[in-house]
Amino acid sequence: MGSNSSRQIKEEELKREAMRKFNIRINMYSYAHHGNHFEYIEWCRAEYQLDCIDPICYQGPNYKAQYDHWGNQT
């Protein structure tokens, strides 16, 4: 079990990485590929929130990864 400070550091790292991915997604926006801008931004925000969650929290014996048509895990 980690201490509170190590947990906070891990959360900060997850948030930093999630923000990096968020910015990449936003900068890669293309109407032809992603459609409506508003819906794409909402999707990016939802992905950011998921990226902030520690992967150990959503894995377990009943966890099944879901993939979209492009091979991205959903």
Protein backbone atom coordinates (compact mmCIF):
# COMPACT_ATOMS: atom_id res chain seq x y z
CA MET A 1 0.00 0.00 0.00
CA GLY A 2 1.33 3.41 -0.91
CA SER A 3 1.33 6.46 1.23
CA ASN A 4 -0.83 9.46 0.49
CA SER A 5 2.10 11.33 -1.05
CA SER A 6 2.91 8.50 -3.48
CA ARG A 7 -0.77 8.29 -4.44
CA GLN A 8 -0.88 12.04 -5.04
CA ILE A 9 2.23 11.83 -7.21
CA LYS A 10 0.69 9.03 -9.26
CA GLU A 11 -2.56 11.00 -9.64
CA GLU A 12 -0.58 14.04 -10.80
CA GLU A 13 1.30 11.90 -13.34
CA LEU A 14 -1.96 10.42 -14.61
CA LYS A 15 -3.49 13.89 -14.96
CA ARG A 16 -0.40 15.23 -16.72
CA GLU A 17 -0.42 12.33 -19.19
CA ALA A 18 -4.19 12.65 -19.67
CA MET A 19 -3.80 16.37 -20.42
CA ARG A 20 -1.05 15.61 -22.94
CA LYS A 21 -3.32 13.11 -24.71
CA PHE A 22 -6.25 15.57 -24.53
CA ASN A 23 -4.21 18.31 -26.22
CA ILE A 24 -3.05 15.91 -28.93
CA ARG A 25 -6.64 14.84 -29.59
CA ILE A 26 -7.83 18.45 -29.77
CA ASN A 27 -5.03 19.44 -32.13
CA MET A 28 -5.70 16.43 -34.38
CA TYR A 29 -9.36 17.40 -34.93
CA SER A 30 -10.54 17.13 -38.51
CA TYR A 31 -14.17 17.58 -39.50
CA ALA A 32 -13.83 14.98 -42.25
CA HIS A 33 -12.61 12.35 -39.80
CA HIS A 34 -14.32 13.32 -36.54
CA GLY A 35 -17.55 15.03 -37.55
CA ASN A 36 -19.28 17.62 -35.39
CA HIS A 37 -16.78 19.73 -33.43
CA PHE A 38 -18.94 20.00 -30.30
CA GLU A 39 -19.46 16.23 -30.08
CA TYR A 40 -15.76 15.61 -30.66
CA ILE A 41 -14.80 18.00 -27.86
CA GLU A 42 -17.25 16.25 -25.52
CA TRP A 43 -15.70 12.91 -26.48
CA CYS A 44 -12.21 14.32 -25.77
CA ARG A 45 -13.35 15.53 -22.35
CA ALA A 46 -14.78 12.11 -21.53
CA GLU A 47 -11.56 10.43 -22.64
CA TYR A 48 -9.60 12.85 -20.44
CA GLN A 49 -11.67 11.84 -17.42
CA LEU A 50 -11.13 8.16 -18.18
CA ASP A 51 -7.40 8.72 -18.66
CA CYS A 52 -7.23 10.27 -15.18
CA ILE A 53 -8.44 7.02 -13.60
CA ASP A 54 -5.75 4.63 -12.44
CA PRO A 55 -5.86 1.60 -14.77
CA ILE A 56 -5.90 -0.74 -11.78
CA CYS A 57 -9.34 0.63 -10.91
CA TYR A 58 -10.98 -0.63 -14.08
CA GLN A 59 -9.32 -4.02 -14.37
CA GLY A 60 -10.43 -7.19 -12.71
CA PRO A 61 -11.77 -10.67 -13.36
CA ASN A 62 -14.92 -9.38 -15.10
CA TYR A 63 -13.23 -6.63 -17.11
CA LYS A 64 -13.44 -6.93 -20.89
CA ALA A 65 -11.77 -4.32 -23.05
CA GLN A 66 -14.04 -2.83 -25.70
CA TYR A 67 -12.69 -1.53 -28.99
CA ASP A 68 -14.23 0.76 -31.60
CA HIS A 69 -13.98 0.31 -35.39
CA TRP A 70 -10.54 1.96 -35.47
CA GLY A 71 -9.02 -0.25 -32.77
CA ASN A 72 -9.17 2.34 -30.01
CA GLN A 73 -10.03 0.98 -26.60
CA THR A 74 -13.33 2.44 -25.38
